[in-house]
Amino acid sequence: MPVAKLHSAKIRLVCAEFQSDAYERVSELLSDHELSVLKRGRNATGNTVPKHADAAEYRRATALECLFGYLYLTGQQDRIREIFSVIVPEELEAENG
């Protein structure tokens, strides 16, 4: 894949807006414990927010990153793949695959 195309795909996935939308999509699918990790990550962020995101978006994005970090550290690779498949648009996977 050309570097510019890969960079554009990365930017779409790591921006706070995309991750905030993903937070909304997956929150309904989580167990009670996963949901508590998600909420704890959302509330643990500091007061600094990047210029390109609002505070609520940034907190939801951070919460999603915390959830993936928790799942990774607890060795739940299958659950990561399951949640990730809900988040990543199929058309993006087709572009990259």
PDB file of N, CA and C in Angstrom:
ATOM      1  N   MET A   1       0.844  -1.171   0.000  1.00  0.00           N
ATOM      2  CA  MET A   1       0.000   0.000   0.000  1.00  0.00           C
ATOM      3  C   MET A   1       0.892   1.238   0.000  1.00  0.00           C
ATOM      4  N   PRO A   2       0.570   2.223  -0.812  1.00  0.00           N
ATOM      5  CA  PRO A   2       1.346   3.459  -0.811  1.00  0.00           C
ATOM      6  C   PRO A   2       1.303   4.144   0.562  1.00  0.00           C
ATOM      7  N   VAL A   3       2.385   4.788   0.907  1.00  0.00           N
ATOM      8  CA  VAL A   3       2.517   5.411   2.216  1.00  0.00           C
ATOM      9  C   VAL A   3       1.418   6.448   2.449  1.00  0.00           C
ATOM     10  N   ALA A   4       1.115   7.264   1.467  1.00  0.00           N
ATOM     11  CA  ALA A   4       0.093   8.306   1.639  1.00  0.00           C
ATOM     12  C   ALA A   4      -1.275   7.703   1.936  1.00  0.00           C
ATOM     13  N   LYS A   5      -1.610   6.615   1.253  1.00  0.00           N
ATOM     14  CA  LYS A   5      -2.897   5.954   1.474  1.00  0.00           C
ATOM     15  C   LYS A   5      -2.948   5.324   2.868  1.00  0.00           C
ATOM     16  N   LEU A   6      -1.855   4.728   3.286  1.00  0.00           N
ATOM     17  CA  LEU A   6      -1.775   4.139   4.617  1.00  0.00           C
ATOM     18  C   LEU A   6      -1.908   5.218   5.688  1.00  0.00           C
ATOM     19  N   HIS A   7      -1.257   6.349   5.469  1.00  0.00           N
ATOM     20  CA  HIS A   7      -1.337   7.466   6.414  1.00  0.00           C
ATOM     21  C   HIS A   7      -2.776   7.977   6.529  1.00  0.00           C
ATOM     22  N   SER A   8      -3.464   8.121   5.419  1.00  0.00           N
ATOM     23  CA  SER A   8      -4.854   8.584   5.436  1.00  0.00           C
ATOM     24  C   SER A   8      -5.747   7.616   6.193  1.00  0.00           C
ATOM     25  N   ALA A   9      -5.545   6.322   5.996  1.00  0.00           N
ATOM     26  CA  ALA A   9      -6.335   5.310   6.708  1.00  0.00           C
ATOM     27  C   ALA A   9      -6.062   5.377   8.201  1.00  0.00           C
ATOM     28  N   LYS A  10      -4.813   5.565   8.567  1.00  0.00           N
ATOM     29  CA  LYS A  10      -4.447   5.657   9.983  1.00  0.00           C
ATOM     30  C   LYS A  10      -5.099   6.868  10.638  1.00  0.00           C
ATOM     31  N   ILE A  11      -5.068   7.983   9.970  1.00  0.00           N
ATOM     32  CA  ILE A  11      -5.632   9.213  10.512  1.00  0.00           C
ATOM     33  C   ILE A  11      -7.125   9.046  10.780  1.00  0.00           C
ATOM     34  N   ARG A  12      -7.821   8.353   9.901  1.00  0.00           N
ATOM     35  CA  ARG A  12      -9.257   8.144  10.104  1.00  0.00           C
ATOM     36  C   ARG A  12      -9.540   7.311  11.349  1.00  0.00           C
ATOM     37  N   LEU A  13      -8.653   6.377  11.673  1.00  0.00           N
ATOM     38  CA  LEU A  13      -8.894   5.462  12.784  1.00  0.00           C
ATOM     39  C   LEU A  13      -8.421   5.978  14.131  1.00  0.00           C
ATOM     40  N   VAL A  14      -7.445   6.852  14.159  1.00  0.00           N
ATOM     41  CA  VAL A  14      -6.897   7.281  15.449  1.00  0.00           C
ATOM     42  C   VAL A  14      -7.393   8.659  15.894  1.00  0.00           C
ATOM     43  N   CYS A  15      -8.232   9.295  15.118  1.00  0.00           N
ATOM     44  CA  CYS A  15      -8.727  10.607  15.533  1.00  0.00           C
ATOM     45  C   CYS A  15      -9.783  10.440  16.627  1.00  0.00           C
ATOM     46  N   ALA A  16      -9.891  11.427  17.479  1.00  0.00           N
ATOM     47  CA  ALA A  16     -10.825  11.375  18.607  1.00  0.00           C
ATOM     48  C   ALA A  16     -12.272  11.238  18.135  1.00  0.00           C
ATOM     49  N   GLU A  17     -12.615  11.874  17.036  1.00  0.00           N
ATOM     50  CA  GLU A  17     -13.988  11.806  16.536  1.00  0.00           C
ATOM     51  C   GLU A  17     -14.373  10.373  16.177  1.00  0.00           C
ATOM     52  N   PHE A  18     -13.511   9.666  15.442  1.00  0.00           N
ATOM     53  CA  PHE A  18     -13.791   8.283  15.056  1.00  0.00           C
ATOM     54  C   PHE A  18     -13.878   7.388  16.282  1.00  0.00           C
ATOM     55  N   GLN A  19     -12.930   7.545  17.200  1.00  0.00           N
ATOM     56  CA  GLN A  19     -12.912   6.702  18.391  1.00  0.00           C
ATOM     57  C   GLN A  19     -14.113   7.001  19.291  1.00  0.00           C
ATOM     58  N   SER A  20     -14.549   8.233  19.340  1.00  0.00           N
ATOM     59  CA  SER A  20     -15.730   8.589  20.120  1.00  0.00           C
ATOM     60  C   SER A  20     -16.975   7.914  19.539  1.00  0.00           C
ATOM     61  N   ASP A  21     -17.094   7.914  18.222  1.00  0.00           N
ATOM     62  CA  ASP A  21     -18.208   7.215  17.566  1.00  0.00           C
ATOM     63  C   ASP A  21     -18.139   5.712  17.849  1.00  0.00           C
ATOM     64  N   ALA A  22     -16.925   5.164  17.831  1.00  0.00           N
ATOM     65  CA  ALA A  22     -16.740   3.741  18.119  1.00  0.00           C
ATOM     66  C   ALA A  22     -17.149   3.415  19.550  1.00  0.00           C
ATOM     67  N   TYR A  23     -16.875   4.320  20.466  1.00  0.00           N
ATOM     68  CA  TYR A  23     -17.292   4.171  21.873  1.00  0.00           C
ATOM     69  C   TYR A  23     -18.796   3.936  21.933  1.00  0.00           C
ATOM     70  N   GLU A  24     -19.541   4.749  21.207  1.00  0.00           N
ATOM     71  CA  GLU A  24     -20.997   4.627  21.197  1.00  0.00           C
ATOM     72  C   GLU A  24     -21.442   3.289  20.609  1.00  0.00           C
ATOM     73  N   ARG A  25     -20.780   2.836  19.545  1.00  0.00           N
ATOM     74  CA  ARG A  25     -21.160   1.574  18.900  1.00  0.00           C
ATOM     75  C   ARG A  25     -20.900   0.361  19.767  1.00  0.00           C
ATOM     76  N   VAL A  26     -19.801   0.342  20.494  1.00  0.00           N
ATOM     77  CA  VAL A  26     -19.441  -0.867  21.253  1.00  0.00           C
ATOM     78  C   VAL A  26     -19.963  -0.873  22.677  1.00  0.00           C
ATOM     79  N   SER A  27     -20.329   0.266  23.216  1.00  0.00           N
ATOM     80  CA  SER A  27     -20.728   0.309  24.627  1.00  0.00           C
ATOM     81  C   SER A  27     -21.916  -0.613  24.915  1.00  0.00           C
ATOM     82  N   GLU A  28     -22.791  -0.800  23.953  1.00  0.00           N
ATOM     83  CA  GLU A  28     -23.949  -1.675  24.129  1.00  0.00           C
ATOM     84  C   GLU A  28     -23.577  -3.154  24.118  1.00  0.00           C
ATOM     85  N   LEU A  29     -22.418  -3.489  23.564  1.00  0.00           N
ATOM     86  CA  LEU A  29     -22.018  -4.884  23.398  1.00  0.00           C
ATOM     87  C   LEU A  29     -21.138  -5.405  24.526  1.00  0.00           C
ATOM     88  N   LEU A  30     -20.804  -4.560  25.478  1.00  0.00           N
ATOM     89  CA  LEU A  30     -19.823  -4.911  26.490  1.00  0.00           C
ATOM     90  C   LEU A  30     -20.455  -5.568  27.710  1.00  0.00           C
ATOM     91  N   SER A  31     -19.651  -6.401  28.363  1.00  0.00           N
ATOM     92  CA  SER A  31     -20.080  -6.977  29.639  1.00  0.00           C
ATOM     93  C   SER A  31     -20.068  -5.880  30.694  1.00  0.00           C
ATOM     94  N   ASP A  32     -20.638  -6.171  31.849  1.00  0.00           N
ATOM     95  CA  ASP A  32     -20.657  -5.175  32.926  1.00  0.00           C
ATOM     96  C   ASP A  32     -19.244  -4.770  33.334  1.00  0.00           C
ATOM     97  N   HIS A  33     -18.346  -5.752  33.406  1.00  0.00           N
ATOM     98  CA  HIS A  33     -16.964  -5.444  33.804  1.00  0.00           C
ATOM     99  C   HIS A  33     -16.260  -4.602  32.736  1.00  0.00           C
ATOM    100  N   GLU A  34     -16.440  -4.955  31.473  1.00  0.00           N
ATOM    101  CA  GLU A  34     -15.832  -4.182  30.388  1.00  0.00           C
ATOM    102  C   GLU A  34     -16.388  -2.758  30.373  1.00  0.00           C
ATOM    103  N   LEU A  35     -17.664  -2.624  30.633  1.00  0.00           N
ATOM    104  CA  LEU A  35     -18.286  -1.307  30.677  1.00  0.00           C
ATOM    105  C   LEU A  35     -17.724  -0.470  31.823  1.00  0.00           C
ATOM    106  N   SER A  36     -17.454  -1.110  32.952  1.00  0.00           N
ATOM    107  CA  SER A  36     -16.866  -0.362  34.073  1.00  0.00           C
ATOM    108  C   SER A  36     -15.443   0.088  33.739  1.00  0.00           C
ATOM    109  N   VAL A  37     -14.684  -0.739  33.009  1.00  0.00           N
ATOM    110  CA  VAL A  37     -13.342  -0.337  32.565  1.00  0.00           C
ATOM    111  C   VAL A  37     -13.460   0.847  31.605  1.00  0.00           C
ATOM    112  N   LEU A  38     -14.407   0.780  30.703  1.00  0.00           N
ATOM    113  CA  LEU A  38     -14.625   1.855  29.732  1.00  0.00           C
ATOM    114  C   LEU A  38     -14.962   3.165  30.454  1.00  0.00           C
ATOM    115  N   LYS A  39     -15.871   3.105  31.405  1.00  0.00           N
ATOM    116  CA  LYS A  39     -16.272   4.316  32.134  1.00  0.00           C
ATOM    117  C   LYS A  39     -15.139   4.853  33.004  1.00  0.00           C
ATOM    118  N   ARG A  40     -14.384   3.949  33.592  1.00  0.00           N
ATOM    119  CA  ARG A  40     -13.259   4.397  34.420  1.00  0.00           C
ATOM    120  C   ARG A  40     -12.212   5.100  33.562  1.00  0.00           C
ATOM    121  N   GLY A  41     -11.952   4.571  32.374  1.00  0.00           N
ATOM    122  CA  GLY A  41     -11.014   5.216  31.452  1.00  0.00           C
ATOM    123  C   GLY A  41     -11.509   6.566  30.987  1.00  0.00           C
ATOM    124  N   ARG A  42     -12.812   6.681  30.802  1.00  0.00           N
ATOM    125  CA  ARG A  42     -13.393   7.954  30.376  1.00  0.00           C
ATOM    126  C   ARG A  42     -13.222   9.014  31.455  1.00  0.00           C
ATOM    127  N   ASN A  43     -13.375   8.618  32.696  1.00  0.00           N
ATOM    128  CA  ASN A  43     -13.307   9.571  33.794  1.00  0.00           C
ATOM    129  C   ASN A  43     -11.885   9.848  34.274  1.00  0.00           C
ATOM    130  N   ALA A  44     -10.914   9.079  33.808  1.00  0.00           N
ATOM    131  CA  ALA A  44      -9.544   9.206  34.306  1.00  0.00           C
ATOM    132  C   ALA A  44      -8.706  10.217  33.539  1.00  0.00           C
ATOM    133  N   THR A  45      -9.232  10.777  32.485  1.00  0.00           N
ATOM    134  CA  THR A  45      -8.429  11.682  31.669  1.00  0.00           C
ATOM    135  C   THR A  45      -8.212  13.010  32.384  1.00  0.00           C
ATOM    136  N   GLY A  46      -7.142  13.669  32.004  1.00  0.00           N
ATOM    137  CA  GLY A  46      -6.794  14.955  32.606  1.00  0.00           C
ATOM    138  C   GLY A  46      -7.583  16.097  32.019  1.00  0.00           C
ATOM    139  N   ASN A  47      -7.124  17.285  32.266  1.00  0.00           N
ATOM    140  CA  ASN A  47      -7.829  18.484  31.815  1.00  0.00           C
ATOM    141  C   ASN A  47      -7.381  18.975  30.452  1.00  0.00           C
ATOM    142  N   THR A  48      -6.316  18.415  29.915  1.00  0.00           N
ATOM    143  CA  THR A  48      -5.824  18.891  28.624  1.00  0.00           C
ATOM    144  C   THR A  48      -6.537  18.157  27.496  1.00  0.00           C
ATOM    145  N   VAL A  49      -6.970  18.914  26.513  1.00  0.00           N
ATOM    146  CA  VAL A  49      -7.680  18.376  25.357  1.00  0.00           C
ATOM    147  C   VAL A  49      -7.036  18.955  24.107  1.00  0.00           C
ATOM    148  N   PRO A  50      -6.758  18.115  23.089  1.00  0.00           N
ATOM    149  CA  PRO A  50      -6.179  18.644  21.844  1.00  0.00           C
ATOM    150  C   PRO A  50      -7.099  19.687  21.190  1.00  0.00           C
ATOM    151  N   LYS A  51      -6.515  20.559  20.399  1.00  0.00           N
ATOM    152  CA  LYS A  51      -7.267  21.629  19.745  1.00  0.00           C
ATOM    153  C   LYS A  51      -8.349  21.100  18.812  1.00  0.00           C
ATOM    154  N   HIS A  52      -8.103  19.967  18.183  1.00  0.00           N
ATOM    155  CA  HIS A  52      -9.007  19.453  17.156  1.00  0.00           C
ATOM    156  C   HIS A  52     -10.159  18.607  17.698  1.00  0.00           C
ATOM    157  N   ALA A  53     -10.302  18.480  19.023  1.00  0.00           N
ATOM    158  CA  ALA A  53     -11.370  17.663  19.595  1.00  0.00           C
ATOM    159  C   ALA A  53     -12.021  18.391  20.757  1.00  0.00           C
ATOM    160  N   ASP A  54     -13.307  18.106  20.966  1.00  0.00           N
ATOM    161  CA  ASP A  54     -13.923  18.672  22.165  1.00  0.00           C
ATOM    162  C   ASP A  54     -13.689  17.729  23.339  1.00  0.00           C
ATOM    163  N   ALA A  55     -13.939  18.197  24.532  1.00  0.00           N
ATOM    164  CA  ALA A  55     -13.598  17.441  25.742  1.00  0.00           C
ATOM    165  C   ALA A  55     -14.348  16.116  25.833  1.00  0.00           C
ATOM    166  N   ALA A  56     -15.633  16.110  25.518  1.00  0.00           N
ATOM    167  CA  ALA A  56     -16.427  14.878  25.615  1.00  0.00           C
ATOM    168  C   ALA A  56     -15.930  13.828  24.619  1.00  0.00           C
ATOM    169  N   GLU A  57     -15.666  14.267  23.397  1.00  0.00           N
ATOM    170  CA  GLU A  57     -15.133  13.360  22.371  1.00  0.00           C
ATOM    171  C   GLU A  57     -13.798  12.763  22.818  1.00  0.00           C
ATOM    172  N   TYR A  58     -12.940  13.605  23.320  1.00  0.00           N
ATOM    173  CA  TYR A  58     -11.615  13.175  23.732  1.00  0.00           C
ATOM    174  C   TYR A  58     -11.696  12.175  24.886  1.00  0.00           C
ATOM    175  N   ARG A  59     -12.586  12.388  25.822  1.00  0.00           N
ATOM    176  CA  ARG A  59     -12.750  11.470  26.949  1.00  0.00           C
ATOM    177  C   ARG A  59     -13.273  10.108  26.479  1.00  0.00           C
ATOM    178  N   ARG A  60     -14.222  10.100  25.550  1.00  0.00           N
ATOM    179  CA  ARG A  60     -14.733   8.828  25.026  1.00  0.00           C
ATOM    180  C   ARG A  60     -13.646   8.090  24.248  1.00  0.00           C
ATOM    181  N   ALA A  61     -12.846   8.822  23.491  1.00  0.00           N
ATOM    182  CA  ALA A  61     -11.752   8.207  22.741  1.00  0.00           C
ATOM    183  C   ALA A  61     -10.736   7.579  23.696  1.00  0.00           C
ATOM    184  N   THR A  62     -10.405   8.294  24.761  1.00  0.00           N
ATOM    185  CA  THR A  62      -9.471   7.771  25.756  1.00  0.00           C
ATOM    186  C   THR A  62     -10.038   6.535  26.436  1.00  0.00           C
ATOM    187  N   ALA A  63     -11.331   6.546  26.711  1.00  0.00           N
ATOM    188  CA  ALA A  63     -11.982   5.394  27.338  1.00  0.00           C
ATOM    189  C   ALA A  63     -11.856   4.154  26.463  1.00  0.00           C
ATOM    190  N   LEU A  64     -12.057   4.319  25.170  1.00  0.00           N
ATOM    191  CA  LEU A  64     -11.944   3.184  24.246  1.00  0.00           C
ATOM    192  C   LEU A  64     -10.518   2.639  24.230  1.00  0.00           C
ATOM    193  N   GLU A  65      -9.542   3.534  24.226  1.00  0.00           N
ATOM    194  CA  GLU A  65      -8.145   3.103  24.274  1.00  0.00           C
ATOM    195  C   GLU A  65      -7.847   2.350  25.561  1.00  0.00           C
ATOM    196  N   CYS A  66      -8.424   2.808  26.664  1.00  0.00           N
ATOM    197  CA  CYS A  66      -8.251   2.115  27.951  1.00  0.00           C
ATOM    198  C   CYS A  66      -8.838   0.715  27.901  1.00  0.00           C
ATOM    199  N   LEU A  67     -10.003   0.581  27.302  1.00  0.00           N
ATOM    200  CA  LEU A  67     -10.628  -0.736  27.191  1.00  0.00           C
ATOM    201  C   LEU A  67      -9.738  -1.691  26.405  1.00  0.00           C
ATOM    202  N   PHE A  68      -9.227  -1.238  25.266  1.00  0.00           N
ATOM    203  CA  PHE A  68      -8.345  -2.102  24.470  1.00  0.00           C
ATOM    204  C   PHE A  68      -7.060  -2.429  25.228  1.00  0.00           C
ATOM    205  N   GLY A  69      -6.536  -1.472  25.958  1.00  0.00           N
ATOM    206  CA  GLY A  69      -5.347  -1.726  26.772  1.00  0.00           C
ATOM    207  C   GLY A  69      -5.613  -2.775  27.834  1.00  0.00           C
ATOM    208  N   TYR A  70      -6.748  -2.660  28.506  1.00  0.00           N
ATOM    209  CA  TYR A  70      -7.132  -3.632  29.526  1.00  0.00           C
ATOM    210  C   TYR A  70      -7.267  -5.031  28.916  1.00  0.00           C
ATOM    211  N   LEU A  71      -7.971  -5.121  27.800  1.00  0.00           N
ATOM    212  CA  LEU A  71      -8.164  -6.429  27.157  1.00  0.00           C
ATOM    213  C   LEU A  71      -6.835  -7.030  26.717  1.00  0.00           C
ATOM    214  N   TYR A  72      -5.950  -6.192  26.208  1.00  0.00           N
ATOM    215  CA  TYR A  72      -4.635  -6.679  25.781  1.00  0.00           C
ATOM    216  C   TYR A  72      -3.830  -7.192  26.972  1.00  0.00           C
ATOM    217  N   LEU A  73      -3.798  -6.402  28.026  1.00  0.00           N
ATOM    218  CA  LEU A  73      -2.999  -6.784  29.202  1.00  0.00           C
ATOM    219  C   LEU A  73      -3.543  -8.018  29.912  1.00  0.00           C
ATOM    220  N   THR A  74      -4.823  -8.285  29.759  1.00  0.00           N
ATOM    221  CA  THR A  74      -5.413  -9.477  30.375  1.00  0.00           C
ATOM    222  C   THR A  74      -5.469 -10.648  29.409  1.00  0.00           C
ATOM    223  N   GLY A  75      -4.843 -10.503  28.237  1.00  0.00           N
ATOM    224  CA  GLY A  75      -4.708 -11.607  27.291  1.00  0.00           C
ATOM    225  C   GLY A  75      -5.978 -12.000  26.554  1.00  0.00           C
ATOM    226  N   GLN A  76      -6.883 -11.072  26.384  1.00  0.00           N
ATOM    227  CA  GLN A  76      -8.164 -11.367  25.741  1.00  0.00           C
ATOM    228  C   GLN A  76      -8.145 -10.975  24.254  1.00  0.00           C
ATOM    229  N   GLN A  77      -7.263 -11.612  23.508  1.00  0.00           N
ATOM    230  CA  GLN A  77      -7.074 -11.272  22.097  1.00  0.00           C
ATOM    231  C   GLN A  77      -8.334 -11.517  21.261  1.00  0.00           C
ATOM    232  N   ASP A  78      -9.052 -12.595  21.540  1.00  0.00           N
ATOM    233  CA  ASP A  78     -10.267 -12.877  20.778  1.00  0.00           C
ATOM    234  C   ASP A  78     -11.318 -11.792  20.993  1.00  0.00           C
ATOM    235  N   ARG A  79     -11.428 -11.307  22.207  1.00  0.00           N
ATOM    236  CA  ARG A  79     -12.392 -10.247  22.509  1.00  0.00           C
ATOM    237  C   ARG A  79     -11.982  -8.947  21.822  1.00  0.00           C
ATOM    238  N   ILE A  80     -10.691  -8.681  21.758  1.00  0.00           N
ATOM    239  CA  ILE A  80     -10.193  -7.501  21.036  1.00  0.00           C
ATOM    240  C   ILE A  80     -10.621  -7.578  19.579  1.00  0.00           C
ATOM    241  N   ARG A  81     -10.403  -8.729  18.948  1.00  0.00           N
ATOM    242  CA  ARG A  81     -10.781  -8.900  17.540  1.00  0.00           C
ATOM    243  C   ARG A  81     -12.285  -8.729  17.352  1.00  0.00           C
ATOM    244  N   GLU A  82     -13.061  -9.279  18.278  1.00  0.00           N
ATOM    245  CA  GLU A  82     -14.514  -9.189  18.194  1.00  0.00           C
ATOM    246  C   GLU A  82     -14.982  -7.737  18.255  1.00  0.00           C
ATOM    247  N   ILE A  83     -14.468  -6.979  19.201  1.00  0.00           N
ATOM    248  CA  ILE A  83     -14.861  -5.575  19.339  1.00  0.00           C
ATOM    249  C   ILE A  83     -14.327  -4.760  18.165  1.00  0.00           C
ATOM    250  N   PHE A  84     -13.106  -5.038  17.758  1.00  0.00           N
ATOM    251  CA  PHE A  84     -12.490  -4.300  16.653  1.00  0.00           C
ATOM    252  C   PHE A  84     -13.277  -4.502  15.361  1.00  0.00           C
ATOM    253  N   SER A  85     -13.826  -5.708  15.166  1.00  0.00           N
ATOM    254  CA  SER A  85     -14.594  -5.973  13.941  1.00  0.00           C
ATOM    255  C   SER A  85     -15.875  -5.138  13.891  1.00  0.00           C
ATOM    256  N   VAL A  86     -16.385  -4.742  15.036  1.00  0.00           N
ATOM    257  CA  VAL A  86     -17.559  -3.873  15.084  1.00  0.00           C
ATOM    258  C   VAL A  86     -17.159  -2.432  14.766  1.00  0.00           C
ATOM    259  N   ILE A  87     -15.957  -2.061  15.141  1.00  0.00           N
ATOM    260  CA  ILE A  87     -15.497  -0.684  15.002  1.00  0.00           C
ATOM    261  C   ILE A  87     -15.011  -0.354  13.596  1.00  0.00           C
ATOM    262  N   VAL A  88     -14.173  -1.205  13.034  1.00  0.00           N
ATOM    263  CA  VAL A  88     -13.539  -0.896  11.749  1.00  0.00           C
ATOM    264  C   VAL A  88     -14.531  -1.135  10.617  1.00  0.00           C
ATOM    265  N   PRO A  89     -14.791  -0.122   9.835  1.00  0.00           N
ATOM    266  CA  PRO A  89     -15.714  -0.273   8.712  1.00  0.00           C
ATOM    267  C   PRO A  89     -15.222  -1.331   7.715  1.00  0.00           C
ATOM    268  N   GLU A  90     -16.149  -2.107   7.213  1.00  0.00           N
ATOM    269  CA  GLU A  90     -15.787  -3.176   6.270  1.00  0.00           C
ATOM    270  C   GLU A  90     -15.110  -2.618   5.019  1.00  0.00           C
ATOM    271  N   GLU A  91     -15.534  -1.449   4.572  1.00  0.00           N
ATOM    272  CA  GLU A  91     -14.929  -0.894   3.368  1.00  0.00           C
ATOM    273  C   GLU A  91     -13.474  -0.528   3.588  1.00  0.00           C
ATOM    274  N   LEU A  92     -13.112  -0.132   4.817  1.00  0.00           N
ATOM    275  CA  LEU A  92     -11.715   0.183   5.125  1.00  0.00           C
ATOM    276  C   LEU A  92     -10.892  -1.094   5.139  1.00  0.00           C
ATOM    277  N   GLU A  93     -11.441  -2.173   5.703  1.00  0.00           N
ATOM    278  CA  GLU A  93     -10.742  -3.447   5.695  1.00  0.00           C
ATOM    279  C   GLU A  93     -10.513  -3.925   4.265  1.00  0.00           C
ATOM    280  N   ALA A  94     -11.520  -3.739   3.389  1.00  0.00           N
ATOM    281  CA  ALA A  94     -11.388  -4.159   1.993  1.00  0.00           C
ATOM    282  C   ALA A  94     -10.294  -3.350   1.285  1.00  0.00           C
ATOM    283  N   GLU A  95     -10.217  -2.037   1.599  1.00  0.00           N
ATOM    284  CA  GLU A  95      -9.181  -1.191   1.009  1.00  0.00           C
ATOM    285  C   GLU A  95      -7.793  -1.680   1.369  1.00  0.00           C
ATOM    286  N   ASN A  96      -7.620  -2.093   2.625  1.00  0.00           N
ATOM    287  CA  ASN A  96      -6.315  -2.455   3.147  1.00  0.00           C
ATOM    288  C   ASN A  96      -5.993  -3.932   2.965  1.00  0.00           C
ATOM    289  N   GLY A  97      -6.989  -4.744   2.754  1.00  0.00           N
ATOM    290  CA  GLY A  97      -6.766  -6.180   2.692  1.00  0.00           C
ATOM    291  C   GLY A  97      -6.619  -6.641   1.318  1.00  0.00           C
TER     292      GLY A  97
END
